[in-house]
Amino acid sequence: VMLVEGQNTKDTNFRFDNYTDPAYYLMWRTDMPGKNVGDWPPLGEYG
């Protein structure tokens, strides 16, 4: 079923994390990021 039907299944639901740096994976906010997100991803110490 996955091989047949999966080809026609499209996920078009863009969430909060889809608008952030794709290389950042250490934390995620999902589609309910909360009221006060601030800068995201949080700025790190090394570059």
ModelCIF file with pLDDT and N, C-alpha, C, O atoms, coordinates in Angstrom:
data_MODEL
#
_entry.id   MODEL 
#
_entity.id                         1 
_entity.type                       polymer 
_entity.pdbx_number_of_molecules   1 
#
_entity_poly.entity_id                      1 
_entity_poly.type                           'polypeptide(L)' 
_entity_poly.nstd_linkage                   no 
_entity_poly.nstd_monomer                   no 
_entity_poly.pdbx_seq_one_letter_code       VMLVEGQNTKDTNFRFDNYTDPAYYLMWRTDMPGKNVGDWPPLGEYG 
_entity_poly.pdbx_seq_one_letter_code_can   VMLVEGQNTKDTNFRFDNYTDPAYYLMWRTDMPGKNVGDWPPLGEYG 
_entity_poly.pdbx_strand_id                 A 
#
loop_
_entity_poly_seq.entity_id 
_entity_poly_seq.num 
_entity_poly_seq.mon_id 
_entity_poly_seq.hetero 
1 1  VAL n 
1 2  MET n 
1 3  LEU n 
1 4  VAL n 
1 5  GLU n 
1 6  GLY n 
1 7  GLN n 
1 8  ASN n 
1 9  THR n 
1 10 LYS n 
1 11 ASP n 
1 12 THR n 
1 13 ASN n 
1 14 PHE n 
1 15 ARG n 
1 16 PHE n 
1 17 ASP n 
1 18 ASN n 
1 19 TYR n 
1 20 THR n 
1 21 ASP n 
1 22 PRO n 
1 23 ALA n 
1 24 TYR n 
1 25 TYR n 
1 26 LEU n 
1 27 MET n 
1 28 TRP n 
1 29 ARG n 
1 30 THR n 
1 31 ASP n 
1 32 MET n 
1 33 PRO n 
1 34 GLY n 
1 35 LYS n 
1 36 ASN n 
1 37 VAL n 
1 38 GLY n 
1 39 ASP n 
1 40 TRP n 
1 41 PRO n 
1 42 PRO n 
1 43 LEU n 
1 44 GLY n 
1 45 GLU n 
1 46 TYR n 
1 47 GLY n 
#
_struct_asym.id          A 
_struct_asym.entity_id   1 
#
loop_
_ma_qa_metric.id 
_ma_qa_metric.mode 
_ma_qa_metric.name 
_ma_qa_metric.software_group_id 
_ma_qa_metric.type 
1 global pLDDT . pLDDT 
2 local  pLDDT . pLDDT 
#
_ma_qa_metric_global.metric_id      1 
_ma_qa_metric_global.metric_value   82.55 
_ma_qa_metric_global.model_id       1 
_ma_qa_metric_global.ordinal_id     1 
#
loop_
_ma_qa_metric_local.label_asym_id 
_ma_qa_metric_local.label_comp_id 
_ma_qa_metric_local.label_seq_id 
_ma_qa_metric_local.metric_id 
_ma_qa_metric_local.metric_value 
_ma_qa_metric_local.model_id 
_ma_qa_metric_local.ordinal_id 
A VAL 1  2 91.00 1 1  
A MET 2  2 89.00 1 2  
A LEU 3  2 87.00 1 3  
A VAL 4  2 85.00 1 4  
A GLU 5  2 77.00 1 5  
A GLY 6  2 69.00 1 6  
A GLN 7  2 68.00 1 7  
A ASN 8  2 74.00 1 8  
A THR 9  2 77.00 1 9  
A LYS 10 2 81.00 1 10 
A ASP 11 2 78.00 1 11 
A THR 12 2 82.00 1 12 
A ASN 13 2 81.00 1 13 
A PHE 14 2 85.00 1 14 
A ARG 15 2 84.00 1 15 
A PHE 16 2 85.00 1 16 
A ASP 17 2 85.00 1 17 
A ASN 18 2 86.00 1 18 
A TYR 19 2 88.00 1 19 
A THR 20 2 89.00 1 20 
A ASP 21 2 91.00 1 21 
A PRO 22 2 92.00 1 22 
A ALA 23 2 92.00 1 23 
A TYR 24 2 90.00 1 24 
A TYR 25 2 91.00 1 25 
A LEU 26 2 88.00 1 26 
A MET 27 2 84.00 1 27 
A TRP 28 2 78.00 1 28 
A ARG 29 2 75.00 1 29 
A THR 30 2 74.00 1 30 
A ASP 31 2 75.00 1 31 
A MET 32 2 80.00 1 32 
A PRO 33 2 80.00 1 33 
A GLY 34 2 79.00 1 34 
A LYS 35 2 75.00 1 35 
A ASN 36 2 76.00 1 36 
A VAL 37 2 79.00 1 37 
A GLY 38 2 78.00 1 38 
A ASP 39 2 82.00 1 39 
A TRP 40 2 84.00 1 40 
A PRO 41 2 84.00 1 41 
A PRO 42 2 85.00 1 42 
A LEU 43 2 85.00 1 43 
A GLY 44 2 85.00 1 44 
A GLU 45 2 84.00 1 45 
A TYR 46 2 86.00 1 46 
A GLY 47 2 87.00 1 47 
#
loop_
_atom_site.group_PDB 
_atom_site.id 
_atom_site.type_symbol 
_atom_site.label_atom_id 
_atom_site.label_alt_id 
_atom_site.label_comp_id 
_atom_site.label_asym_id 
_atom_site.label_entity_id 
_atom_site.label_seq_id 
_atom_site.pdbx_PDB_ins_code 
_atom_site.Cartn_x 
_atom_site.Cartn_y 
_atom_site.Cartn_z 
_atom_site.occupancy 
_atom_site.B_iso_or_equiv 
_atom_site.pdbx_formal_charge 
_atom_site.auth_seq_id 
_atom_site.auth_comp_id 
_atom_site.auth_asym_id 
_atom_site.auth_atom_id 
_atom_site.pdbx_PDB_model_num 
ATOM 1   N N  . VAL A 1 1  ? 0.837  -1.204 0.000  1.00 91.00 ? 1  VAL A N  1 
ATOM 2   C CA . VAL A 1 1  ? 0.000  0.000  0.000  1.00 91.00 ? 1  VAL A CA 1 
ATOM 3   C C  . VAL A 1 1  ? 0.871  1.252  0.000  1.00 91.00 ? 1  VAL A C  1 
ATOM 4   O O  . VAL A 1 1  ? 0.591  2.211  -0.719 1.00 91.00 ? 1  VAL A O  1 
ATOM 5   N N  . MET A 1 2  ? 1.930  1.237  0.812  1.00 89.00 ? 2  MET A N  1 
ATOM 6   C CA . MET A 1 2  ? 2.820  2.395  0.888  1.00 89.00 ? 2  MET A CA 1 
ATOM 7   C C  . MET A 1 2  ? 3.502  2.656  -0.454 1.00 89.00 ? 2  MET A C  1 
ATOM 8   O O  . MET A 1 2  ? 3.640  3.806  -0.869 1.00 89.00 ? 2  MET A O  1 
ATOM 9   N N  . LEU A 1 3  ? 3.923  1.598  -1.125 1.00 87.00 ? 3  LEU A N  1 
ATOM 10  C CA . LEU A 1 3  ? 4.615  1.764  -2.405 1.00 87.00 ? 3  LEU A CA 1 
ATOM 11  C C  . LEU A 1 3  ? 3.681  2.268  -3.496 1.00 87.00 ? 3  LEU A C  1 
ATOM 12  O O  . LEU A 1 3  ? 4.100  2.998  -4.395 1.00 87.00 ? 3  LEU A O  1 
ATOM 13  N N  . VAL A 1 4  ? 2.414  1.874  -3.413 1.00 85.00 ? 4  VAL A N  1 
ATOM 14  C CA . VAL A 1 4  ? 1.451  2.275  -4.450 1.00 85.00 ? 4  VAL A CA 1 
ATOM 15  C C  . VAL A 1 4  ? 0.801  3.609  -4.100 1.00 85.00 ? 4  VAL A C  1 
ATOM 16  O O  . VAL A 1 4  ? 0.862  4.564  -4.875 1.00 85.00 ? 4  VAL A O  1 
ATOM 17  N N  . GLU A 1 5  ? 0.170  3.663  -2.912 1.00 77.00 ? 5  GLU A N  1 
ATOM 18  C CA . GLU A 1 5  ? -0.564 4.859  -2.521 1.00 77.00 ? 5  GLU A CA 1 
ATOM 19  C C  . GLU A 1 5  ? 0.370  5.985  -2.077 1.00 77.00 ? 5  GLU A C  1 
ATOM 20  O O  . GLU A 1 5  ? 0.052  7.165  -2.226 1.00 77.00 ? 5  GLU A O  1 
ATOM 21  N N  . GLY A 1 6  ? 1.526  5.604  -1.531 1.00 69.00 ? 6  GLY A N  1 
ATOM 22  C CA . GLY A 1 6  ? 2.438  6.621  -1.023 1.00 69.00 ? 6  GLY A CA 1 
ATOM 23  C C  . GLY A 1 6  ? 2.931  7.573  -2.087 1.00 69.00 ? 6  GLY A C  1 
ATOM 24  O O  . GLY A 1 6  ? 3.269  8.720  -1.793 1.00 69.00 ? 6  GLY A O  1 
ATOM 25  N N  . GLN A 1 7  ? 2.976  7.102  -3.327 1.00 68.00 ? 7  GLN A N  1 
ATOM 26  C CA . GLN A 1 7  ? 3.427  7.968  -4.416 1.00 68.00 ? 7  GLN A CA 1 
ATOM 27  C C  . GLN A 1 7  ? 2.468  9.135  -4.651 1.00 68.00 ? 7  GLN A C  1 
ATOM 28  O O  . GLN A 1 7  ? 2.863  10.194 -5.139 1.00 68.00 ? 7  GLN A O  1 
ATOM 29  N N  . ASN A 1 8  ? 1.213  8.921  -4.298 1.00 74.00 ? 8  ASN A N  1 
ATOM 30  C CA . ASN A 1 8  ? 0.208  9.952  -4.538 1.00 74.00 ? 8  ASN A CA 1 
ATOM 31  C C  . ASN A 1 8  ? -0.111 10.783 -3.294 1.00 74.00 ? 8  ASN A C  1 
ATOM 32  O O  . ASN A 1 8  ? -0.959 11.674 -3.335 1.00 74.00 ? 8  ASN A O  1 
ATOM 33  N N  . THR A 1 9  ? 0.578  10.481 -2.185 1.00 77.00 ? 9  THR A N  1 
ATOM 34  C CA . THR A 1 9  ? 0.322  11.205 -0.944 1.00 77.00 ? 9  THR A CA 1 
ATOM 35  C C  . THR A 1 9  ? 1.279  12.377 -0.835 1.00 77.00 ? 9  THR A C  1 
ATOM 36  O O  . THR A 1 9  ? 2.494  12.183 -0.800 1.00 77.00 ? 9  THR A O  1 
ATOM 37  N N  . LYS A 1 10 ? 0.755  13.571 -0.781 1.00 81.00 ? 10 LYS A N  1 
ATOM 38  C CA . LYS A 1 10 ? 1.570  14.777 -0.726 1.00 81.00 ? 10 LYS A CA 1 
ATOM 39  C C  . LYS A 1 10 ? 1.305  15.517 0.583  1.00 81.00 ? 10 LYS A C  1 
ATOM 40  O O  . LYS A 1 10 ? 0.155  15.753 0.953  1.00 81.00 ? 10 LYS A O  1 
ATOM 41  N N  . ASP A 1 11 ? 2.371  15.875 1.268  1.00 78.00 ? 11 ASP A N  1 
ATOM 42  C CA . ASP A 1 11 ? 2.266  16.658 2.488  1.00 78.00 ? 11 ASP A CA 1 
ATOM 43  C C  . ASP A 1 11 ? 2.561  18.112 2.154  1.00 78.00 ? 11 ASP A C  1 
ATOM 44  O O  . ASP A 1 11 ? 3.716  18.476 1.932  1.00 78.00 ? 11 ASP A O  1 
ATOM 45  N N  . THR A 1 12 ? 1.541  18.932 2.119  1.00 82.00 ? 12 THR A N  1 
ATOM 46  C CA . THR A 1 12 ? 1.686  20.359 1.774  1.00 82.00 ? 12 THR A CA 1 
ATOM 47  C C  . THR A 1 12 ? 1.481  21.259 2.982  1.00 82.00 ? 12 THR A C  1 
ATOM 48  O O  . THR A 1 12 ? 1.307  22.470 2.839  1.00 82.00 ? 12 THR A O  1 
ATOM 49  N N  . ASN A 1 13 ? 1.502  20.673 4.160  1.00 81.00 ? 13 ASN A N  1 
ATOM 50  C CA . ASN A 1 13 ? 1.246  21.431 5.386  1.00 81.00 ? 13 ASN A CA 1 
ATOM 51  C C  . ASN A 1 13 ? 2.552  22.029 5.899  1.00 81.00 ? 13 ASN A C  1 
ATOM 52  O O  . ASN A 1 13 ? 3.287  21.381 6.645  1.00 81.00 ? 13 ASN A O  1 
ATOM 53  N N  . PHE A 1 14 ? 2.833  23.248 5.505  1.00 85.00 ? 14 PHE A N  1 
ATOM 54  C CA . PHE A 1 14 ? 4.055  23.928 5.932  1.00 85.00 ? 14 PHE A CA 1 
ATOM 55  C C  . PHE A 1 14 ? 3.893  24.407 7.373  1.00 85.00 ? 14 PHE A C  1 
ATOM 56  O O  . PHE A 1 14 ? 2.939  25.112 7.702  1.00 85.00 ? 14 PHE A O  1 
ATOM 57  N N  . ARG A 1 15 ? 4.840  24.013 8.227  1.00 84.00 ? 15 ARG A N  1 
ATOM 58  C CA . ARG A 1 15 ? 4.790  24.317 9.645  1.00 84.00 ? 15 ARG A CA 1 
ATOM 59  C C  . ARG A 1 15 ? 5.871  25.323 10.009 1.00 84.00 ? 15 ARG A C  1 
ATOM 60  O O  . ARG A 1 15 ? 6.652  25.757 9.162  1.00 84.00 ? 15 ARG A O  1 
ATOM 61  N N  . PHE A 1 16 ? 5.898  25.678 11.269 1.00 85.00 ? 16 PHE A N  1 
ATOM 62  C CA . PHE A 1 16 ? 6.857  26.665 11.753 1.00 85.00 ? 16 PHE A CA 1 
ATOM 63  C C  . PHE A 1 16 ? 8.290  26.261 11.419 1.00 85.00 ? 16 PHE A C  1 
ATOM 64  O O  . PHE A 1 16 ? 9.072  27.090 10.955 1.00 85.00 ? 16 PHE A O  1 
ATOM 65  N N  . ASP A 1 17 ? 8.636  25.012 11.647 1.00 85.00 ? 17 ASP A N  1 
ATOM 66  C CA . ASP A 1 17 ? 10.017 24.578 11.440 1.00 85.00 ? 17 ASP A CA 1 
ATOM 67  C C  . ASP A 1 17 ? 10.421 24.560 9.974  1.00 85.00 ? 17 ASP A C  1 
ATOM 68  O O  . ASP A 1 17 ? 11.613 24.541 9.669  1.00 85.00 ? 17 ASP A O  1 
ATOM 69  N N  . ASN A 1 18 ? 9.464  24.566 9.068  1.00 86.00 ? 18 ASN A N  1 
ATOM 70  C CA . ASN A 1 18 ? 9.800  24.561 7.643  1.00 86.00 ? 18 ASN A CA 1 
ATOM 71  C C  . ASN A 1 18 ? 10.326 25.917 7.166  1.00 86.00 ? 18 ASN A C  1 
ATOM 72  O O  . ASN A 1 18 ? 10.822 26.037 6.045  1.00 86.00 ? 18 ASN A O  1 
ATOM 73  N N  . TYR A 1 19 ? 10.216 26.921 8.011  1.00 88.00 ? 19 TYR A N  1 
ATOM 74  C CA . TYR A 1 19 ? 10.697 28.256 7.657  1.00 88.00 ? 19 TYR A CA 1 
ATOM 75  C C  . TYR A 1 19 ? 12.029 28.586 8.348  1.00 88.00 ? 19 TYR A C  1 
ATOM 76  O O  . TYR A 1 19 ? 12.485 29.729 8.300  1.00 88.00 ? 19 TYR A O  1 
ATOM 77  N N  . THR A 1 20 ? 12.644 27.603 8.979  1.00 89.00 ? 20 THR A N  1 
ATOM 78  C CA . THR A 1 20 ? 13.889 27.825 9.712  1.00 89.00 ? 20 THR A CA 1 
ATOM 79  C C  . THR A 1 20 ? 15.039 27.103 9.025  1.00 89.00 ? 20 THR A C  1 
ATOM 80  O O  . THR A 1 20 ? 14.834 26.332 8.088  1.00 89.00 ? 20 THR A O  1 
ATOM 81  N N  . ASP A 1 21 ? 16.248 27.363 9.501  1.00 91.00 ? 21 ASP A N  1 
ATOM 82  C CA . ASP A 1 21 ? 17.465 26.774 8.944  1.00 91.00 ? 21 ASP A CA 1 
ATOM 83  C C  . ASP A 1 21 ? 17.357 25.250 8.944  1.00 91.00 ? 21 ASP A C  1 
ATOM 84  O O  . ASP A 1 21 ? 17.202 24.661 10.014 1.00 91.00 ? 21 ASP A O  1 
ATOM 85  N N  . PRO A 1 22 ? 17.433 24.583 7.779  1.00 92.00 ? 22 PRO A N  1 
ATOM 86  C CA . PRO A 1 22 ? 17.270 23.128 7.743  1.00 92.00 ? 22 PRO A CA 1 
ATOM 87  C C  . PRO A 1 22 ? 18.407 22.371 8.425  1.00 92.00 ? 22 PRO A C  1 
ATOM 88  O O  . PRO A 1 22 ? 18.249 21.197 8.759  1.00 92.00 ? 22 PRO A O  1 
ATOM 89  N N  . ALA A 1 23 ? 19.562 23.031 8.638  1.00 92.00 ? 23 ALA A N  1 
ATOM 90  C CA . ALA A 1 23 ? 20.678 22.357 9.293  1.00 92.00 ? 23 ALA A CA 1 
ATOM 91  C C  . ALA A 1 23 ? 20.534 22.343 10.809 1.00 92.00 ? 23 ALA A C  1 
ATOM 92  O O  . ALA A 1 23 ? 21.315 21.690 11.501 1.00 92.00 ? 23 ALA A O  1 
ATOM 93  N N  . TYR A 1 24 ? 19.543 23.058 11.329 1.00 90.00 ? 24 TYR A N  1 
ATOM 94  C CA . TYR A 1 24 ? 19.348 23.085 12.781 1.00 90.00 ? 24 TYR A CA 1 
ATOM 95  C C  . TYR A 1 24 ? 18.335 22.010 13.165 1.00 90.00 ? 24 TYR A C  1 
ATOM 96  O O  . TYR A 1 24 ? 17.197 22.023 12.694 1.00 90.00 ? 24 TYR A O  1 
ATOM 97  N N  . TYR A 1 25 ? 18.751 21.085 14.020 1.00 91.00 ? 25 TYR A N  1 
ATOM 98  C CA . TYR A 1 25 ? 17.879 19.971 14.381 1.00 91.00 ? 25 TYR A CA 1 
ATOM 99  C C  . TYR A 1 25 ? 17.826 19.728 15.894 1.00 91.00 ? 25 TYR A C  1 
ATOM 100 O O  . TYR A 1 25 ? 17.099 18.842 16.343 1.00 91.00 ? 25 TYR A O  1 
ATOM 101 N N  . LEU A 1 26 ? 18.577 20.493 16.682 1.00 88.00 ? 26 LEU A N  1 
ATOM 102 C CA . LEU A 1 26 ? 18.744 20.177 18.097 1.00 88.00 ? 26 LEU A CA 1 
ATOM 103 C C  . LEU A 1 26 ? 17.490 20.423 18.923 1.00 88.00 ? 26 LEU A C  1 
ATOM 104 O O  . LEU A 1 26 ? 17.286 19.767 19.944 1.00 88.00 ? 26 LEU A O  1 
ATOM 105 N N  . MET A 1 27 ? 16.648 21.356 18.498 1.00 84.00 ? 27 MET A N  1 
ATOM 106 C CA . MET A 1 27 ? 15.352 21.587 19.126 1.00 84.00 ? 27 MET A CA 1 
ATOM 107 C C  . MET A 1 27 ? 14.358 21.914 18.026 1.00 84.00 ? 27 MET A C  1 
ATOM 108 O O  . MET A 1 27 ? 14.738 22.355 16.942 1.00 84.00 ? 27 MET A O  1 
ATOM 109 N N  . TRP A 1 28 ? 13.078 21.694 18.313 1.00 78.00 ? 28 TRP A N  1 
ATOM 110 C CA . TRP A 1 28 ? 12.075 22.011 17.308 1.00 78.00 ? 28 TRP A CA 1 
ATOM 111 C C  . TRP A 1 28 ? 10.826 22.549 18.000 1.00 78.00 ? 28 TRP A C  1 
ATOM 112 O O  . TRP A 1 28 ? 10.547 22.227 19.155 1.00 78.00 ? 28 TRP A O  1 
ATOM 113 N N  . ARG A 1 29 ? 10.081 23.375 17.266 1.00 75.00 ? 29 ARG A N  1 
ATOM 114 C CA . ARG A 1 29 ? 8.890  24.026 17.826 1.00 75.00 ? 29 ARG A CA 1 
ATOM 115 C C  . ARG A 1 29 ? 7.601  23.488 17.225 1.00 75.00 ? 29 ARG A C  1 
ATOM 116 O O  . ARG A 1 29 ? 6.517  23.880 17.657 1.00 75.00 ? 29 ARG A O  1 
ATOM 117 N N  . THR A 1 30 ? 7.691  22.600 16.239 1.00 74.00 ? 30 THR A N  1 
ATOM 118 C CA . THR A 1 30 ? 6.543  21.994 15.564 1.00 74.00 ? 30 THR A CA 1 
ATOM 119 C C  . THR A 1 30 ? 5.614  23.062 15.013 1.00 74.00 ? 30 THR A C  1 
ATOM 120 O O  . THR A 1 30 ? 6.046  24.177 14.720 1.00 74.00 ? 30 THR A O  1 
ATOM 121 N N  . ASP A 1 31 ? 4.335  22.722 14.871 1.00 75.00 ? 31 ASP A N  1 
ATOM 122 C CA . ASP A 1 31 ? 3.384  23.667 14.288 1.00 75.00 ? 31 ASP A CA 1 
ATOM 123 C C  . ASP A 1 31 ? 2.699  24.506 15.364 1.00 75.00 ? 31 ASP A C  1 
ATOM 124 O O  . ASP A 1 31 ? 1.784  25.272 15.061 1.00 75.00 ? 31 ASP A O  1 
ATOM 125 N N  . MET A 1 32 ? 3.133  24.368 16.619 1.00 80.00 ? 32 MET A N  1 
ATOM 126 C CA . MET A 1 32 ? 2.628  25.209 17.702 1.00 80.00 ? 32 MET A CA 1 
ATOM 127 C C  . MET A 1 32 ? 3.828  25.828 18.409 1.00 80.00 ? 32 MET A C  1 
ATOM 128 O O  . MET A 1 32 ? 4.233  25.346 19.467 1.00 80.00 ? 32 MET A O  1 
ATOM 129 N N  . PRO A 1 33 ? 4.403  26.885 17.845 1.00 80.00 ? 33 PRO A N  1 
ATOM 130 C CA . PRO A 1 33 ? 5.651  27.431 18.390 1.00 80.00 ? 33 PRO A CA 1 
ATOM 131 C C  . PRO A 1 33 ? 5.493  28.236 19.661 1.00 80.00 ? 33 PRO A C  1 
ATOM 132 O O  . PRO A 1 33 ? 6.489  28.541 20.317 1.00 80.00 ? 33 PRO A O  1 
ATOM 133 N N  . GLY A 1 34 ? 4.264  28.592 20.032 1.00 79.00 ? 34 GLY A N  1 
ATOM 134 C CA . GLY A 1 34 ? 4.070  29.396 21.224 1.00 79.00 ? 34 GLY A CA 1 
ATOM 135 C C  . GLY A 1 34 ? 3.970  30.877 20.903 1.00 79.00 ? 34 GLY A C  1 
ATOM 136 O O  . GLY A 1 34 ? 4.153  31.295 19.760 1.00 79.00 ? 34 GLY A O  1 
ATOM 137 N N  . LYS A 1 35 ? 3.681  31.656 21.923 1.00 75.00 ? 35 LYS A N  1 
ATOM 138 C CA . LYS A 1 35 ? 3.437  33.087 21.724 1.00 75.00 ? 35 LYS A CA 1 
ATOM 139 C C  . LYS A 1 35 ? 4.727  33.879 21.535 1.00 75.00 ? 35 LYS A C  1 
ATOM 140 O O  . LYS A 1 35 ? 4.784  34.781 20.700 1.00 75.00 ? 35 LYS A O  1 
ATOM 141 N N  . ASN A 1 36 ? 5.762  33.547 22.305 1.00 76.00 ? 36 ASN A N  1 
ATOM 142 C CA . ASN A 1 36 ? 6.982  34.348 22.318 1.00 76.00 ? 36 ASN A CA 1 
ATOM 143 C C  . ASN A 1 36 ? 8.162  33.498 21.849 1.00 76.00 ? 36 ASN A C  1 
ATOM 144 O O  . ASN A 1 36 ? 8.924  32.973 22.661 1.00 76.00 ? 36 ASN A O  1 
ATOM 145 N N  . VAL A 1 37 ? 8.300  33.373 20.552 1.00 79.00 ? 37 VAL A N  1 
ATOM 146 C CA . VAL A 1 37 ? 9.357  32.534 19.993 1.00 79.00 ? 37 VAL A CA 1 
ATOM 147 C C  . VAL A 1 37 ? 10.705 33.251 20.011 1.00 79.00 ? 37 VAL A C  1 
ATOM 148 O O  . VAL A 1 37 ? 11.714 32.654 20.386 1.00 79.00 ? 37 VAL A O  1 
ATOM 149 N N  . GLY A 1 38 ? 10.734 34.500 19.619 1.00 78.00 ? 38 GLY A N  1 
ATOM 150 C CA . GLY A 1 38 ? 11.997 35.229 19.517 1.00 78.00 ? 38 GLY A CA 1 
ATOM 151 C C  . GLY A 1 38 ? 12.800 34.740 18.331 1.00 78.00 ? 38 GLY A C  1 
ATOM 152 O O  . GLY A 1 38 ? 12.255 34.132 17.409 1.00 78.00 ? 38 GLY A O  1 
ATOM 153 N N  . ASP A 1 39 ? 14.119 35.010 18.355 1.00 82.00 ? 39 ASP A N  1 
ATOM 154 C CA . ASP A 1 39 ? 14.982 34.543 17.273 1.00 82.00 ? 39 ASP A CA 1 
ATOM 155 C C  . ASP A 1 39 ? 15.053 33.021 17.286 1.00 82.00 ? 39 ASP A C  1 
ATOM 156 O O  . ASP A 1 39 ? 15.271 32.403 18.329 1.00 82.00 ? 39 ASP A O  1 
ATOM 157 N N  . TRP A 1 40 ? 14.868 32.432 16.115 1.00 84.00 ? 40 TRP A N  1 
ATOM 158 C CA . TRP A 1 40 ? 14.897 30.972 16.018 1.00 84.00 ? 40 TRP A CA 1 
ATOM 159 C C  . TRP A 1 40 ? 15.552 30.568 14.705 1.00 84.00 ? 40 TRP A C  1 
ATOM 160 O O  . TRP A 1 40 ? 15.154 31.071 13.655 1.00 84.00 ? 40 TRP A O  1 
ATOM 161 N N  . PRO A 1 41 ? 16.538 29.681 14.725 1.00 84.00 ? 41 PRO A N  1 
ATOM 162 C CA . PRO A 1 41 ? 17.114 28.993 15.892 1.00 84.00 ? 41 PRO A CA 1 
ATOM 163 C C  . PRO A 1 41 ? 17.862 29.958 16.808 1.00 84.00 ? 41 PRO A C  1 
ATOM 164 O O  . PRO A 1 41 ? 18.281 31.033 16.378 1.00 84.00 ? 41 PRO A O  1 
ATOM 165 N N  . PRO A 1 42 ? 18.025 29.571 18.068 1.00 85.00 ? 42 PRO A N  1 
ATOM 166 C CA . PRO A 1 42 ? 18.772 30.437 18.993 1.00 85.00 ? 42 PRO A CA 1 
ATOM 167 C C  . PRO A 1 42 ? 20.217 30.580 18.547 1.00 85.00 ? 42 PRO A C  1 
ATOM 168 O O  . PRO A 1 42 ? 20.814 29.626 18.050 1.00 85.00 ? 42 PRO A O  1 
ATOM 169 N N  . LEU A 1 43 ? 20.777 31.763 18.721 1.00 85.00 ? 43 LEU A N  1 
ATOM 170 C CA . LEU A 1 43 ? 22.135 32.033 18.277 1.00 85.00 ? 43 LEU A CA 1 
ATOM 171 C C  . LEU A 1 43 ? 23.135 31.261 19.116 1.00 85.00 ? 43 LEU A C  1 
ATOM 172 O O  . LEU A 1 43 ? 23.082 31.303 20.346 1.00 85.00 ? 43 LEU A O  1 
ATOM 173 N N  . GLY A 1 44 ? 24.060 30.547 18.452 1.00 85.00 ? 44 GLY A N  1 
ATOM 174 C CA . GLY A 1 44 ? 25.069 29.768 19.141 1.00 85.00 ? 44 GLY A CA 1 
ATOM 175 C C  . GLY A 1 44 ? 26.395 30.487 19.262 1.00 85.00 ? 44 GLY A C  1 
ATOM 176 O O  . GLY A 1 44 ? 26.575 31.584 18.733 1.00 85.00 ? 44 GLY A O  1 
ATOM 177 N N  . GLU A 1 45 ? 27.331 29.849 19.973 1.00 84.00 ? 45 GLU A N  1 
ATOM 178 C CA . GLU A 1 45 ? 28.609 30.473 20.284 1.00 84.00 ? 45 GLU A CA 1 
ATOM 179 C C  . GLU A 1 45 ? 29.628 30.338 19.162 1.00 84.00 ? 45 GLU A C  1 
ATOM 180 O O  . GLU A 1 45 ? 30.532 31.167 19.055 1.00 84.00 ? 45 GLU A O  1 
ATOM 181 N N  . TYR A 1 46 ? 29.505 29.322 18.331 1.00 86.00 ? 46 TYR A N  1 
ATOM 182 C CA . TYR A 1 46 ? 30.520 29.031 17.320 1.00 86.00 ? 46 TYR A CA 1 
ATOM 183 C C  . TYR A 1 46 ? 29.905 29.202 15.935 1.00 86.00 ? 46 TYR A C  1 
ATOM 184 O O  . TYR A 1 46 ? 29.266 28.287 15.417 1.00 86.00 ? 46 TYR A O  1 
ATOM 185 N N  . GLY A 1 47 ? 30.102 30.386 15.332 1.00 87.00 ? 47 GLY A N  1 
ATOM 186 C CA . GLY A 1 47 ? 29.535 30.643 14.013 1.00 87.00 ? 47 GLY A CA 1 
ATOM 187 C C  . GLY A 1 47 ? 28.030 30.502 13.974 1.00 87.00 ? 47 GLY A C  1 
ATOM 188 O O  . GLY A 1 47 ? 27.419 30.691 12.922 1.00 87.00 ? 47 GLY A O  1 
#
